[in-house]
Protein backbone atom coordinates (compact mmCIF):
# COMPACT_ATOMS: atom_id res chain seq x y z
CA MET A 1 36.85 29.63 27.55
CA ASN A 2 36.85 26.01 28.67
CA VAL A 3 40.01 25.04 30.60
CA TYR A 4 40.58 22.00 28.37
CA ASP A 5 40.23 24.08 25.21
CA ALA A 6 42.75 26.55 26.63
CA ALA A 7 45.12 23.68 27.43
CA HIS A 8 44.89 22.45 23.84
CA THR A 9 45.51 25.98 22.57
CA LEU A 10 48.56 26.29 24.84
CA SER A 11 49.81 22.89 23.66
CA LYS A 12 49.58 24.02 20.03
CA ALA A 13 51.40 27.27 20.85
CA ILE A 14 54.18 25.31 22.55
CA LYS A 15 54.50 22.94 19.58
CA ASN A 16 54.74 25.95 17.26
CA SER A 17 57.38 27.70 19.37
CA GLU A 18 60.94 27.97 18.11
CA GLU A 19 62.15 26.46 21.39
CA TYR A 20 60.11 23.30 20.89
CA LYS A 21 60.91 22.99 17.18
CA GLU A 22 64.64 23.32 17.84
CA PHE A 23 64.47 20.88 20.78
CA ASN A 24 62.58 18.34 18.69
CA LYS A 25 64.97 18.70 15.74
CA ARG A 26 68.07 18.35 17.91
CA GLN A 27 66.61 15.37 19.76
CA LYS A 28 65.93 13.61 16.46
CA ASN A 29 69.54 14.27 15.42
CA VAL A 30 70.83 12.55 18.56
CA TYR A 31 68.46 9.58 18.34
CA SER A 32 68.91 9.01 14.61
CA ASN A 33 72.52 7.87 15.10
CA GLU A 34 72.78 4.71 17.21
CA GLN A 35 76.29 5.48 18.50
CA THR A 36 75.36 9.05 19.46
CA LYS A 37 72.15 7.82 21.08
CA GLU A 38 74.02 5.25 23.19
CA MET A 39 76.64 7.79 24.23
CA PHE A 40 73.95 10.28 25.22
CA GLU A 41 71.83 7.74 27.13
CA ASP A 42 74.87 6.34 28.95
CA PHE A 43 75.85 9.82 30.09
CA ARG A 44 72.30 10.68 31.18
CA LYS A 45 72.03 7.42 33.13
CA LYS A 46 75.32 7.98 34.97
CA ALA A 47 74.52 11.63 35.68
CA MET A 48 71.09 10.61 37.02
CA GLU A 49 72.65 7.97 39.28
CA ILE A 50 74.92 10.60 40.80
CA GLN A 51 72.00 13.00 41.23
CA MET A 52 69.96 10.29 42.98
CA GLU A 53 72.87 9.47 45.29
CA LYS A 54 73.21 13.13 46.24
CA MET A 55 69.47 13.50 46.79
CA SER A 56 69.41 10.47 49.08
CA GLY A 57 72.18 12.03 51.17
CA ASN A 58 74.96 9.70 50.07
CA LYS A 59 78.43 10.98 49.34
CA VAL A 60 79.50 10.44 45.77
CA SER A 61 83.05 9.13 45.45
CA ASN A 62 85.67 11.30 43.79
CA GLU A 63 86.35 8.45 41.38
CA LYS A 64 82.73 8.39 40.25
CA MET A 65 82.64 12.18 39.92
CA LYS A 66 85.82 12.16 37.82
CA GLU A 67 84.41 9.41 35.61
CA VAL A 68 81.23 11.35 34.92
CA LYS A 69 83.14 14.61 34.39
CA LYS A 70 85.38 12.91 31.83
CA LEU A 71 82.35 11.35 30.14
CA GLU A 72 80.68 14.77 30.08
CA GLU A 73 83.68 16.27 28.28
CA ILE A 74 83.55 13.50 25.68
CA VAL A 75 79.78 13.76 25.25
CA MET A 76 79.81 17.55 24.97
CA SER A 77 82.47 17.38 22.26
CA ASN A 78 79.84 15.71 20.06
CA PRO A 79 78.13 18.62 18.22
CA ASP A 80 74.76 16.84 17.97
CA ILE A 81 74.64 16.16 21.71
CA ASN A 82 75.98 19.59 22.61
CA ASN A 83 73.34 21.29 20.44
CA PHE A 84 70.65 19.05 21.89
CA PHE A 85 71.60 20.01 25.46
CA LYS A 86 71.48 23.70 24.54
CA ALA A 87 68.08 23.32 22.86
CA GLU A 88 66.81 21.28 25.80
CA MET A 89 67.85 24.02 28.22
CA ARG A 90 66.04 26.70 26.19
CA PHE A 91 62.89 24.57 25.90
CA THR A 92 62.96 23.70 29.61
CA GLN A 93 63.36 27.38 30.49
CA MET A 94 60.34 28.27 28.36
CA MET A 95 58.27 25.54 30.04
CA ASN A 96 59.39 26.68 33.50
CA ASP A 97 58.32 30.22 32.59
CA VAL A 98 54.90 28.92 31.50
CA TYR A 99 54.47 26.97 34.78
CA LYS A 100 55.52 30.04 36.75
CA ILE A 101 53.04 32.27 34.94
CA MET A 102 50.25 29.77 35.54
CA GLY A 103 51.20 29.32 39.20
CA GLU A 104 51.36 33.05 39.85
CA SER A 105 48.05 33.74 38.15
CA ILE A 106 46.30 30.99 40.10
CA ASP A 107 47.98 32.01 43.38
CA VAL A 108 47.48 28.65 45.06
CA ASN A 109 48.86 29.99 48.36
CA SER A 110 45.90 32.35 48.74
CA LEU A 111 43.58 29.33 48.89
CA ASN A 112 44.93 28.51 52.37
CA GLU A 113 43.85 31.87 53.80
């Protein structure tokens, strides 16, 4: 089987998976409501800023951490956003499993020997 054909087959299988369908449905729910979309994107942006600060070795202020924690509580109380995060986690886990399976079967580390 051609690698590209296999990739297309895998892509179709992913699109037909319950994890992808649920993720896609929940994402559309969040983005179909402007207020929910803005709330979600604002939270993601602030959470990403904190993550980037941590990754660059900077200490994140307690004030900033409290602000994001409070925002997280508000955001997660929205059922559409909460369900989207849950669906996103399941979809991401499935994709990580797929990458792991591919990586293990290829065994890239053995190429260095």
